[in-house]
């Protein structure tokens, strides 16, 4: 008897769900490849949770050598000078889901991160982290994101959202 009522209600719910067009599905933030880049590239290293101050035991902290930083983060995306390295990462926070077409579109919400590491005599003296956000409409089907590059620009214009540095010694 229960099935005689449950099956029609289930079919109606599925039918209404398929006719909704699209809906926004928030996800836990996680790193992704830039959709405009080569899919063979490895996922970027998520550096947000491994940054620390001088006295911490974090893998990235002021006082490390350049070789130690390379062993944790790998090759940088950019070298601005001999004393600065810049790593960028793109994170996905939500997608648009199209039930009628049985697929989810490109990310609806990106967050770009830029990490700038400053060295002096091959010793990390300061790190700075900045971010930017980018939201997409449900009909947007393009690829690529400007969010990580805007985050790198934010380091210059707005300053970092988080940072740590070696203490300076006063003469």
Foldseek 3Di string as FASTA:
>chain_A
DVCVPVVVVVVVVLVVVLPPFKDKFWDPKDWDDFQVDDPVDDTADDCPPQEDEPPDPGQHYFFDFLVSVCVRRNDAPDDPDPFKGKHKTKIATIWMDNNNVGGIADGQKIKMKMKMFGHDPRTTFKIFMFMDMDGHDNVDRDTGDCTNVVRVVCCVVVNGPDMYGDDDDDD
